[in-house]
Amino acid sequence: MSSRTKTIRYINETSIDEMVKQVVAKGADADRVIGAAKESRTEYGLKVQEFIERLGEVERNV
């Protein structure tokens, strides 16, 4: 399975809350994750937009 296919599957099958929880648990740089998500927004649509917004909220609350 290609990396692109894995990414699409992850986005389709993972809830926004779970994605945010995983980013926070990994201690990932939220700004970097948001930047990468913005690049993929047109391809993956509204779910990515909601993920970006929620992760931004978490970043502001930390």
N, C-alpha and C. Protein backbone atom coordinates (compact mmCIF):
# COMPACT_ATOMS: atom_id res chain seq x y z
N MET A 1 0.85 -1.18 0.00
CA MET A 1 0.00 0.00 0.00
C MET A 1 0.89 1.24 0.00
N SER A 2 0.62 2.17 -0.86
CA SER A 2 1.45 3.37 -0.97
C SER A 2 1.21 4.30 0.21
N SER A 3 2.16 5.20 0.41
CA SER A 3 2.06 6.18 1.49
C SER A 3 0.81 7.04 1.31
N ARG A 4 0.55 7.42 0.07
CA ARG A 4 -0.63 8.25 -0.23
C ARG A 4 -1.91 7.51 0.14
N THR A 5 -1.97 6.23 -0.21
CA THR A 5 -3.15 5.42 0.10
C THR A 5 -3.32 5.29 1.60
N LYS A 6 -2.22 5.09 2.33
CA LYS A 6 -2.29 5.00 3.79
C LYS A 6 -2.80 6.29 4.40
N THR A 7 -2.34 7.42 3.85
CA THR A 7 -2.77 8.73 4.36
C THR A 7 -4.26 8.92 4.14
N ILE A 8 -4.73 8.62 2.94
CA ILE A 8 -6.16 8.76 2.63
C ILE A 8 -6.98 7.86 3.55
N ARG A 9 -6.54 6.65 3.73
CA ARG A 9 -7.26 5.71 4.59
C ARG A 9 -7.29 6.23 6.03
N TYR A 10 -6.16 6.71 6.52
CA TYR A 10 -6.08 7.25 7.88
C TYR A 10 -7.07 8.40 8.06
N ILE A 11 -7.08 9.33 7.13
CA ILE A 11 -7.96 10.49 7.23
C ILE A 11 -9.42 10.06 7.18
N ASN A 12 -9.74 9.12 6.32
CA ASN A 12 -11.12 8.67 6.20
C ASN A 12 -11.61 7.87 7.40
N GLU A 13 -10.71 7.12 8.02
CA GLU A 13 -11.13 6.19 9.07
C GLU A 13 -10.88 6.68 10.49
N THR A 14 -10.18 7.79 10.65
CA THR A 14 -9.82 8.25 11.99
C THR A 14 -10.61 9.51 12.33
N SER A 15 -11.19 9.52 13.53
CA SER A 15 -11.96 10.69 13.95
C SER A 15 -11.02 11.87 14.19
N ILE A 16 -11.57 13.06 14.12
CA ILE A 16 -10.80 14.28 14.38
C ILE A 16 -10.23 14.24 15.79
N ASP A 17 -11.06 13.87 16.76
CA ASP A 17 -10.58 13.82 18.15
C ASP A 17 -9.39 12.88 18.28
N GLU A 18 -9.45 11.72 17.62
CA GLU A 18 -8.35 10.76 17.70
C GLU A 18 -7.10 11.31 17.03
N MET A 19 -7.25 11.97 15.90
CA MET A 19 -6.08 12.55 15.22
C MET A 19 -5.40 13.58 16.11
N VAL A 20 -6.19 14.46 16.73
CA VAL A 20 -5.63 15.49 17.60
C VAL A 20 -4.94 14.82 18.79
N LYS A 21 -5.59 13.82 19.38
CA LYS A 21 -5.02 13.11 20.53
C LYS A 21 -3.68 12.48 20.16
N GLN A 22 -3.57 11.88 18.97
CA GLN A 22 -2.33 11.25 18.54
C GLN A 22 -1.21 12.27 18.35
N VAL A 23 -1.53 13.42 17.79
CA VAL A 23 -0.51 14.46 17.59
C VAL A 23 0.01 14.94 18.94
N VAL A 24 -0.91 15.19 19.87
CA VAL A 24 -0.53 15.66 21.19
C VAL A 24 0.29 14.59 21.92
N ALA A 25 -0.16 13.33 21.84
CA ALA A 25 0.54 12.24 22.54
C ALA A 25 1.97 12.06 22.02
N LYS A 26 2.16 12.29 20.73
CA LYS A 26 3.49 12.15 20.14
C LYS A 26 4.38 13.36 20.43
N GLY A 27 3.78 14.42 20.94
CA GLY A 27 4.54 15.63 21.21
C GLY A 27 5.01 16.30 19.93
N ALA A 28 4.25 16.09 18.85
CA ALA A 28 4.61 16.67 17.55
C ALA A 28 4.45 18.18 17.56
N ASP A 29 5.21 18.84 16.71
CA ASP A 29 5.13 20.29 16.55
C ASP A 29 3.82 20.61 15.83
N ALA A 30 2.86 21.16 16.57
CA ALA A 30 1.52 21.41 16.01
C ALA A 30 1.59 22.32 14.79
N ASP A 31 2.46 23.34 14.82
CA ASP A 31 2.56 24.24 13.67
C ASP A 31 3.01 23.50 12.41
N ARG A 32 3.94 22.58 12.59
CA ARG A 32 4.43 21.80 11.45
C ARG A 32 3.33 20.86 10.91
N VAL A 33 2.60 20.23 11.83
CA VAL A 33 1.52 19.34 11.43
C VAL A 33 0.43 20.13 10.72
N ILE A 34 0.10 21.31 11.25
CA ILE A 34 -0.91 22.17 10.63
C ILE A 34 -0.46 22.56 9.22
N GLY A 35 0.82 22.92 9.05
CA GLY A 35 1.33 23.28 7.73
C GLY A 35 1.19 22.14 6.74
N ALA A 36 1.53 20.93 7.16
CA ALA A 36 1.41 19.77 6.28
C ALA A 36 -0.06 19.49 5.96
N ALA A 37 -0.91 19.66 6.96
CA ALA A 37 -2.34 19.42 6.74
C ALA A 37 -2.93 20.44 5.77
N LYS A 38 -2.47 21.68 5.86
CA LYS A 38 -2.96 22.71 4.94
C LYS A 38 -2.60 22.38 3.50
N GLU A 39 -1.41 21.81 3.31
CA GLU A 39 -1.01 21.42 1.96
C GLU A 39 -1.92 20.35 1.39
N SER A 40 -2.46 19.51 2.24
CA SER A 40 -3.30 18.43 1.77
C SER A 40 -4.80 18.76 1.82
N ARG A 41 -5.13 19.94 2.30
CA ARG A 41 -6.54 20.31 2.50
C ARG A 41 -7.38 20.17 1.23
N THR A 42 -6.87 20.64 0.09
CA THR A 42 -7.68 20.58 -1.13
C THR A 42 -7.94 19.14 -1.54
N GLU A 43 -7.01 18.27 -1.23
CA GLU A 43 -7.18 16.88 -1.60
C GLU A 43 -8.12 16.13 -0.66
N TYR A 44 -8.05 16.45 0.62
CA TYR A 44 -8.80 15.69 1.60
C TYR A 44 -10.02 16.41 2.18
N GLY A 45 -10.18 17.66 1.83
CA GLY A 45 -11.42 18.35 2.12
C GLY A 45 -11.67 18.85 3.52
N LEU A 46 -12.93 18.89 3.86
CA LEU A 46 -13.38 19.54 5.08
C LEU A 46 -12.90 18.87 6.35
N LYS A 47 -12.69 17.57 6.33
CA LYS A 47 -12.22 16.90 7.54
C LYS A 47 -10.84 17.43 7.93
N VAL A 48 -10.00 17.67 6.94
CA VAL A 48 -8.68 18.21 7.22
C VAL A 48 -8.81 19.62 7.79
N GLN A 49 -9.73 20.41 7.26
CA GLN A 49 -9.94 21.76 7.78
C GLN A 49 -10.36 21.72 9.24
N GLU A 50 -11.26 20.81 9.57
CA GLU A 50 -11.69 20.70 10.97
C GLU A 50 -10.52 20.25 11.85
N PHE A 51 -9.70 19.32 11.36
CA PHE A 51 -8.52 18.86 12.09
C PHE A 51 -7.57 20.02 12.37
N ILE A 52 -7.32 20.86 11.37
CA ILE A 52 -6.44 22.02 11.51
C ILE A 52 -6.98 22.96 12.59
N GLU A 53 -8.27 23.22 12.54
CA GLU A 53 -8.87 24.14 13.51
C GLU A 53 -8.77 23.59 14.92
N ARG A 54 -9.10 22.30 15.10
CA ARG A 54 -9.06 21.69 16.42
C ARG A 54 -7.63 21.62 16.97
N LEU A 55 -6.68 21.27 16.11
CA LEU A 55 -5.29 21.18 16.57
C LEU A 55 -4.78 22.57 16.93
N GLY A 56 -5.19 23.60 16.19
CA GLY A 56 -4.83 24.97 16.52
C GLY A 56 -5.36 25.38 17.88
N GLU A 57 -6.58 24.93 18.21
CA GLU A 57 -7.15 25.21 19.52
C GLU A 57 -6.32 24.56 20.62
N VAL A 58 -5.93 23.32 20.40
CA VAL A 58 -5.12 22.61 21.38
C VAL A 58 -3.79 23.33 21.59
N GLU A 59 -3.15 23.75 20.49
CA GLU A 59 -1.88 24.46 20.56
C GLU A 59 -2.01 25.74 21.38
N ARG A 60 -3.11 26.46 21.20
CA ARG A 60 -3.32 27.70 21.95
C ARG A 60 -3.57 27.44 23.43
N ASN A 61 -4.11 26.27 23.75
CA ASN A 61 -4.46 25.95 25.14
C ASN A 61 -3.33 25.28 25.91
N VAL A 62 -2.23 25.00 25.24
CA VAL A 62 -1.10 24.32 25.91
C VAL A 62 -0.21 25.33 26.59
